[in-house]
Amino acid sequence: MRDSRRSRMVLVLLLAISFALITVDIRGGRNSPVSHVRDWASAVFGPAERGTANAVDPIADAIDAVRDAGSHEDEKKKLEEENAKLRQQLENIALDRARVAEVDKLLKVASAGQYRVKPARVVAVGPAQGFSWTVTIDAGTGDGIKADMTVINGDGLVGRVTSVGPMTATVLLATDPGFSVGSRMAGSQEIGITTGQGDRPMRLQLLNGQAPVKTGDRLVTFGSQGGRPFVPGVPVGEVTEVRSTPGTLTKTLEVRPFVKFTSLDTVGVVIEPPRTDPRDAVLPAPPAPPPAAPPVAPAAAPQPSTTPPATGKPSANGRPTKKPVTPNAAGRD
């Protein structure tokens, strides 16, 4: 008990002395009577303090790094998510621009052919109703879509509607082997039947076997009664090969369709046919022919020599001597 009282007394005394020294040092500033003691203590204990700090700082930094590792990982994950969102936004912008361009082409075709169309998007691809080449679009009876309506895009004929639901419809593509459409040749107006052949070019069989036709000729839809299932004047494709069928008077032609069926996205369903047949007005302008090569100038013919031929005997240096000219008799005196 005494020891504890004595210890407390000593502690209180030391604290009082410490406060007194601190007060005197603060009030005295650089002139404080204990400034020399402070400088001496700094000189003695300073190196030890620096050594201790140098030894302890790496450990403290490691502890701080471990403590901050979790926050850094969270920040990294947040940045990765933001980068993914930005990439998705850029992809959506590019996709929207492509769709705007497709809608613009579709509206130009509709304007040229005077078709009233309902734009739609392809939302599914696959067989339906026993057909092998079909797509599903996001437009149905609520949009005025009915069966046996013509489906087009900015390039030409896509197909026809086969079945309709409240919000979607099935479209039979023009490449399906069960697809056929009456066609008319641009310019000559010769008619025939164009059928699909799957992943091969379409086939056109002209009714007039003697009709002049060549590769590069283009054809459009002939049209149906009342505009269903096909409206007239829709671009179909371009002739790539002409074959004569043995034993018949008809010609069979291979046709490359204008539409790229492997990359369909935006299409238009013709819900009202044109008042008059647009004929060839919907076809794009034909490609310009390649420039003709400049004509090659013929080589200049060699000019005859004006030097009279040498006659007579050779001279001493080996060269022939000229024959003397005989004066004309009329020139004599």
Protein backbone atom coordinates (compact mmCIF):
# COMPACT_ATOMS: atom_id res chain seq x y z
CA MET A 1 0.00 0.00 0.00
CA ARG A 2 2.85 2.40 0.85
CA ASP A 3 4.65 1.58 -2.31
CA SER A 4 1.59 2.37 -4.36
CA ARG A 5 1.08 5.70 -2.57
CA ARG A 6 4.72 6.58 -3.02
CA SER A 7 4.55 5.63 -6.68
CA ARG A 8 1.49 7.81 -7.17
CA MET A 9 3.20 10.69 -5.44
CA VAL A 10 6.28 10.35 -7.65
CA LEU A 11 4.11 10.18 -10.78
CA VAL A 12 2.17 13.28 -9.77
CA LEU A 13 5.40 15.11 -9.04
CA LEU A 14 6.89 14.17 -12.39
CA LEU A 15 3.75 15.27 -14.22
CA ALA A 16 3.80 18.60 -12.40
CA ILE A 17 7.45 19.14 -13.29
CA SER A 18 6.72 18.20 -16.94
CA PHE A 19 3.86 20.69 -17.20
CA ALA A 20 5.99 23.36 -15.61
CA LEU A 21 8.85 22.78 -18.02
CA ILE A 22 6.48 22.75 -21.01
CA THR A 23 4.91 26.05 -19.88
CA VAL A 24 8.29 27.70 -19.36
CA ASP A 25 9.53 26.39 -22.74
CA ILE A 26 6.47 27.66 -24.65
CA ARG A 27 6.58 31.12 -23.08
CA GLY A 28 10.33 31.44 -23.50
CA GLY A 29 10.47 30.42 -27.17
CA ARG A 30 14.07 30.31 -28.40
CA ASN A 31 15.17 32.09 -25.19
CA SER A 32 13.70 29.38 -23.01
CA PRO A 33 16.08 28.17 -20.25
CA VAL A 34 15.38 24.57 -21.30
CA SER A 35 16.06 25.12 -24.99
CA HIS A 36 19.60 23.79 -24.59
CA VAL A 37 18.24 20.67 -22.91
CA ARG A 38 15.76 20.20 -25.78
CA ASP A 39 18.49 20.54 -28.40
CA TRP A 40 20.68 18.11 -26.55
CA ALA A 41 17.86 15.55 -26.33
CA SER A 42 17.15 15.96 -30.04
CA ALA A 43 20.81 15.38 -30.89
CA VAL A 44 21.00 12.31 -28.69
CA PHE A 45 17.69 10.63 -29.41
CA GLY A 46 17.16 11.88 -33.02
CA PRO A 47 19.20 9.16 -34.76
CA ALA A 48 17.43 6.51 -32.74
CA GLU A 49 14.05 7.95 -33.66
CA ARG A 50 14.98 8.05 -37.37
CA GLY A 51 16.25 4.47 -37.28
CA THR A 52 13.09 3.31 -35.58
CA ALA A 53 10.97 5.18 -38.14
CA ASN A 54 12.93 3.65 -41.04
CA ALA A 55 12.40 0.20 -39.60
CA VAL A 56 8.72 0.70 -38.85
CA ASP A 57 7.66 2.60 -42.04
CA PRO A 58 7.87 -0.44 -44.43
CA ILE A 59 5.76 -2.45 -42.03
CA ALA A 60 3.23 0.36 -41.78
CA ASP A 61 3.15 0.72 -45.57
CA ALA A 62 2.57 -3.01 -45.97
CA ILE A 63 -0.28 -2.86 -43.47
CA ASP A 64 -1.79 0.10 -45.35
CA ALA A 65 -1.42 -1.74 -48.68
CA VAL A 66 -3.21 -4.81 -47.29
CA ARG A 67 -5.95 -2.60 -45.86
CA ASP A 68 -6.37 -0.72 -49.18
CA ALA A 69 -6.22 -3.82 -51.41
CA GLY A 70 -9.93 -4.41 -51.07
CA SER A 71 -10.81 -0.85 -52.06
CA HIS A 72 -8.46 -1.03 -55.09
CA GLU A 73 -10.07 -4.26 -56.26
CA ASP A 74 -13.51 -2.66 -55.99
CA GLU A 75 -12.31 0.35 -57.98
CA LYS A 76 -10.84 -1.92 -60.68
CA LYS A 77 -14.10 -3.84 -60.96
CA LYS A 78 -16.03 -0.58 -61.23
CA LEU A 79 -13.76 0.66 -64.04
CA GLU A 80 -14.15 -2.64 -65.92
CA GLU A 81 -17.93 -2.37 -65.68
CA GLU A 82 -17.82 1.22 -66.94
CA ASN A 83 -15.61 0.18 -69.89
CA ALA A 84 -18.02 -2.63 -70.76
CA LYS A 85 -20.94 -0.20 -70.72
CA LEU A 86 -19.06 2.24 -72.98
CA ARG A 87 -18.22 -0.54 -75.46
CA GLN A 88 -21.86 -1.62 -75.49
CA GLN A 89 -22.95 1.95 -76.13
CA LEU A 90 -20.54 2.24 -79.07
CA GLU A 91 -21.84 -1.02 -80.54
CA ASN A 92 -25.44 0.17 -80.11
CA ILE A 93 -24.60 3.46 -81.85
CA ALA A 94 -23.09 1.60 -84.83
CA LEU A 95 -26.10 -0.74 -84.95
CA ASP A 96 -28.54 2.16 -84.80
CA ARG A 97 -26.73 3.92 -87.64
CA ALA A 98 -26.90 0.78 -89.79
CA ARG A 99 -30.63 0.42 -89.09
CA VAL A 100 -31.26 4.07 -89.90
CA ALA A 101 -29.48 3.58 -93.23
CA GLU A 102 -31.62 0.48 -93.97
CA VAL A 103 -34.84 2.31 -93.11
CA ASP A 104 -33.77 5.19 -95.36
CA LYS A 105 -33.20 2.79 -98.30
CA LEU A 106 -36.55 1.12 -97.62
CA LEU A 107 -38.40 4.43 -97.65
CA LYS A 108 -36.72 5.43 -100.92
CA VAL A 109 -37.85 2.18 -102.57
CA ALA A 110 -41.38 2.64 -101.18
CA SER A 111 -41.47 6.20 -102.49
CA ALA A 112 -40.24 5.19 -105.96
CA GLY A 113 -42.81 2.40 -106.24
CA GLN A 114 -45.60 4.28 -104.43
CA TYR A 115 -45.90 1.44 -101.92
CA ARG A 116 -47.37 1.98 -98.48
CA VAL A 117 -45.21 -0.11 -96.16
CA LYS A 118 -45.08 -1.07 -92.51
CA PRO A 119 -41.44 -1.28 -91.34
CA ALA A 120 -40.52 -4.30 -89.22
CA ARG A 121 -37.47 -6.11 -87.92
CA VAL A 122 -36.43 -9.71 -88.32
CA VAL A 123 -36.48 -11.28 -84.85
CA ALA A 124 -36.08 -14.98 -85.65
CA VAL A 125 -34.88 -17.28 -88.43
CA GLY A 126 -35.93 -20.86 -88.89
CA PRO A 127 -38.33 -23.34 -90.45
CA ALA A 128 -42.03 -22.77 -89.97
CA GLN A 129 -45.14 -24.39 -91.45
CA GLY A 130 -43.04 -26.93 -93.31
CA PHE A 131 -40.95 -24.29 -95.13
CA SER A 132 -37.18 -24.24 -94.84
CA TRP A 133 -36.40 -20.60 -95.65
CA THR A 134 -38.48 -18.38 -93.36
CA VAL A 135 -38.05 -15.49 -90.94
CA THR A 136 -40.22 -14.04 -88.21
CA ILE A 137 -40.84 -10.27 -88.06
CA ASP A 138 -42.06 -8.16 -85.13
CA ALA A 139 -45.29 -6.97 -86.78
CA GLY A 140 -48.67 -8.66 -86.79
CA THR A 141 -52.40 -8.16 -87.13
CA GLY A 142 -52.25 -5.18 -84.79
CA ASP A 143 -50.07 -3.42 -87.40
CA GLY A 144 -52.38 -4.20 -90.31
CA ILE A 145 -50.39 -7.21 -91.53
CA LYS A 146 -52.28 -9.92 -93.40
CA ALA A 147 -51.32 -13.16 -95.12
CA ASP A 148 -50.11 -13.00 -98.73
CA MET A 149 -48.61 -9.52 -98.47
CA THR A 150 -45.38 -8.61 -100.27
CA VAL A 151 -42.28 -8.12 -98.10
CA ILE A 152 -39.44 -5.91 -99.37
CA ASN A 153 -36.37 -4.07 -98.11
CA GLY A 154 -34.12 -1.38 -99.49
CA ASP A 155 -32.65 -3.79 -102.08
CA GLY A 156 -35.75 -5.50 -103.46
CA LEU A 157 -38.02 -8.51 -102.99
CA VAL A 158 -37.65 -10.38 -99.67
CA GLY A 159 -40.67 -12.71 -99.83
CA ARG A 160 -44.32 -12.91 -98.83
CA VAL A 161 -46.25 -13.24 -95.58
CA THR A 162 -47.53 -16.78 -94.95
CA SER A 163 -49.06 -16.52 -91.47
CA VAL A 164 -49.82 -13.71 -89.03
CA GLY A 165 -50.19 -13.52 -85.27
CA PRO A 166 -51.18 -10.64 -83.01
CA MET A 167 -47.62 -9.29 -82.75
CA THR A 168 -45.51 -11.32 -85.20
CA ALA A 169 -45.70 -12.73 -88.71
CA THR A 170 -43.90 -15.44 -90.70
CA VAL A 171 -42.30 -14.52 -94.03
CA LEU A 172 -41.44 -17.08 -96.72
CA LEU A 173 -38.18 -15.94 -98.32
CA ALA A 174 -37.79 -15.69 -102.08
CA THR A 175 -34.94 -18.22 -101.95
CA ASP A 176 -37.18 -21.04 -100.67
CA PRO A 177 -37.55 -23.88 -103.22
CA GLY A 178 -41.33 -23.61 -102.83
CA PHE A 179 -41.34 -19.89 -103.68
CA SER A 180 -42.32 -18.62 -107.15
CA VAL A 181 -43.18 -15.16 -108.48
CA GLY A 182 -44.18 -13.78 -111.86
CA SER A 183 -41.35 -11.59 -113.20
CA ARG A 184 -40.84 -9.12 -116.02
CA MET A 185 -37.56 -8.30 -117.73
CA ALA A 186 -36.60 -4.63 -117.54
CA GLY A 187 -36.54 -2.99 -120.95
CA SER A 188 -37.86 -5.85 -123.08
CA GLN A 189 -40.84 -6.47 -120.71
CA GLU A 190 -40.59 -10.22 -121.39
CA ILE A 191 -42.34 -12.21 -118.64
CA GLY A 192 -41.54 -15.48 -116.92
CA ILE A 193 -41.63 -17.35 -113.61
CA THR A 194 -38.83 -16.96 -111.05
CA THR A 195 -38.40 -19.66 -108.41
CA GLY A 196 -36.11 -20.06 -105.41
CA GLN A 197 -33.39 -22.69 -105.16
CA GLY A 198 -32.23 -22.44 -101.57
CA ASP A 199 -28.63 -21.33 -101.29
CA ARG A 200 -28.19 -21.40 -105.08
CA PRO A 201 -29.14 -18.58 -107.48
CA MET A 202 -32.82 -18.19 -108.34
CA ARG A 203 -34.12 -19.61 -111.63
CA LEU A 204 -36.15 -17.72 -114.26
CA GLN A 205 -38.02 -19.49 -117.02
CA LEU A 206 -39.15 -17.12 -119.77
CA LEU A 207 -42.39 -17.83 -121.63
CA ASN A 208 -40.90 -16.67 -124.92
CA GLY A 209 -38.03 -18.98 -125.79
CA GLN A 210 -36.88 -16.69 -128.60
CA ALA A 211 -36.74 -13.54 -126.48
CA PRO A 212 -33.33 -11.84 -126.58
CA VAL A 213 -31.71 -11.95 -123.15
CA LYS A 214 -28.17 -11.63 -121.87
CA THR A 215 -26.27 -11.63 -118.62
CA GLY A 216 -26.67 -8.41 -116.68
CA ASP A 217 -30.37 -8.02 -117.60
CA ARG A 218 -32.53 -7.21 -114.58
CA LEU A 219 -36.05 -8.20 -113.66
CA VAL A 220 -38.89 -6.98 -111.42
CA THR A 221 -42.09 -8.52 -110.11
CA PHE A 222 -44.95 -8.77 -112.60
CA GLY A 223 -47.61 -8.22 -109.92
CA SER A 224 -50.75 -10.07 -108.84
CA GLN A 225 -54.45 -9.28 -109.00
CA GLY A 226 -55.20 -6.79 -106.24
CA GLY A 227 -51.52 -6.59 -105.29
CA ARG A 228 -51.53 -9.86 -103.33
CA PRO A 229 -49.37 -11.80 -102.90
CA PHE A 230 -47.10 -9.60 -105.02
CA VAL A 231 -47.16 -5.94 -105.97
CA PRO A 232 -45.64 -4.96 -109.33
CA GLY A 233 -42.28 -3.34 -109.96
CA VAL A 234 -40.26 -4.73 -107.02
CA PRO A 235 -36.63 -5.48 -108.02
CA VAL A 236 -35.96 -9.23 -108.01
CA GLY A 237 -32.45 -9.83 -109.33
CA GLU A 238 -29.96 -9.84 -112.18
CA VAL A 239 -29.37 -12.51 -114.83
CA THR A 240 -26.01 -14.24 -114.42
CA GLU A 241 -26.37 -17.19 -116.83
CA VAL A 242 -28.54 -18.04 -119.86
CA ARG A 243 -29.25 -21.68 -120.84
CA SER A 244 -31.43 -23.18 -123.54
CA THR A 245 -33.51 -26.10 -122.36
CA PRO A 246 -33.21 -29.13 -124.73
CA GLY A 247 -36.50 -30.21 -126.27
CA THR A 248 -38.39 -27.06 -125.29
CA LEU A 249 -38.88 -23.60 -126.70
CA THR A 250 -38.15 -21.85 -123.41
CA LYS A 251 -34.96 -20.50 -121.88
CA THR A 252 -33.77 -21.05 -118.34
CA LEU A 253 -31.84 -18.25 -116.67
CA GLU A 254 -29.84 -18.12 -113.44
CA VAL A 255 -30.69 -15.01 -111.42
CA ARG A 256 -28.68 -13.45 -108.60
CA PRO A 257 -31.17 -11.82 -106.19
CA PHE A 258 -30.61 -8.20 -105.17
CA VAL A 259 -31.42 -8.96 -101.50
CA LYS A 260 -28.75 -10.43 -99.20
CA PHE A 261 -30.85 -12.98 -97.34
CA THR A 262 -28.09 -13.93 -94.89
CA SER A 263 -28.05 -10.45 -93.32
CA LEU A 264 -31.72 -9.43 -93.16
CA ASP A 265 -32.66 -6.98 -90.43
CA THR A 266 -35.09 -4.20 -91.40
CA VAL A 267 -37.87 -5.06 -93.86
CA GLY A 268 -41.15 -3.52 -94.95
CA VAL A 269 -44.52 -5.18 -95.49
CA VAL A 270 -46.49 -3.61 -98.35
CA ILE A 271 -49.93 -3.03 -96.83
CA GLU A 272 -51.21 -1.01 -99.80
CA PRO A 273 -50.23 -1.59 -103.47
CA PRO A 274 -49.45 1.26 -105.87
CA ARG A 275 -52.22 2.81 -107.95
CA THR A 276 -50.26 2.27 -111.16
CA ASP A 277 -47.56 -0.20 -112.15
CA PRO A 278 -44.17 1.49 -111.52
CA ARG A 279 -42.60 -0.74 -114.21
CA ASP A 280 -38.80 -0.24 -113.97
CA ALA A 281 -38.86 2.94 -111.85
CA VAL A 282 -37.84 1.15 -108.65
CA LEU A 283 -34.72 -0.43 -110.15
CA PRO A 284 -31.50 1.34 -109.22
CA ALA A 285 -29.51 3.03 -111.94
CA PRO A 286 -27.44 0.49 -113.90
CA PRO A 287 -23.72 0.51 -113.17
CA ALA A 288 -21.66 2.72 -115.44
CA PRO A 289 -19.63 0.80 -118.06
CA PRO A 290 -15.87 0.74 -117.51
CA PRO A 291 -14.00 3.52 -119.31
CA ALA A 292 -12.75 2.54 -122.76
CA ALA A 293 -9.02 2.22 -123.22
CA PRO A 294 -7.47 5.06 -125.22
CA PRO A 295 -6.77 4.12 -128.89
CA VAL A 296 -3.23 3.18 -129.71
CA ALA A 297 -1.70 5.38 -132.42
CA PRO A 298 -0.38 3.34 -135.42
CA ALA A 299 3.33 3.27 -135.91
CA ALA A 300 4.61 5.79 -138.49
CA ALA A 301 5.43 4.25 -141.88
CA PRO A 302 9.08 4.59 -142.96
CA GLN A 303 9.66 7.50 -145.33
CA PRO A 304 11.39 6.75 -148.70
CA SER A 305 14.89 8.11 -149.10
CA THR A 306 15.30 11.20 -151.34
CA THR A 307 18.96 10.45 -152.10
CA PRO A 308 19.36 9.29 -155.70
CA PRO A 309 20.80 5.82 -156.12
CA ALA A 310 24.53 5.60 -156.57
CA THR A 311 25.75 4.24 -159.88
CA GLY A 312 29.00 3.85 -161.68
CA LYS A 313 32.27 2.38 -160.69
CA PRO A 314 33.61 2.68 -157.21
CA SER A 315 36.14 5.41 -156.59
CA ALA A 316 39.53 5.02 -155.11
CA ASN A 317 38.16 5.23 -151.57
CA GLY A 318 35.66 2.45 -152.27
CA ARG A 319 32.58 4.66 -152.68
CA PRO A 320 30.59 4.56 -155.95
CA THR A 321 30.80 7.55 -158.23
CA LYS A 322 27.72 9.37 -159.48
CA LYS A 323 26.70 8.87 -163.09
CA PRO A 324 27.27 12.07 -165.09
CA VAL A 325 24.15 13.82 -166.27
CA THR A 326 23.73 13.93 -170.03
CA PRO A 327 22.44 17.27 -171.25
CA ASN A 328 19.07 17.24 -173.02
CA ALA A 329 19.17 17.73 -176.73
CA ALA A 330 16.75 20.62 -176.45
CA GLY A 331 19.20 22.47 -174.32
CA ARG A 332 21.95 22.50 -176.96
CA ASP A 333 22.75 25.68 -178.97
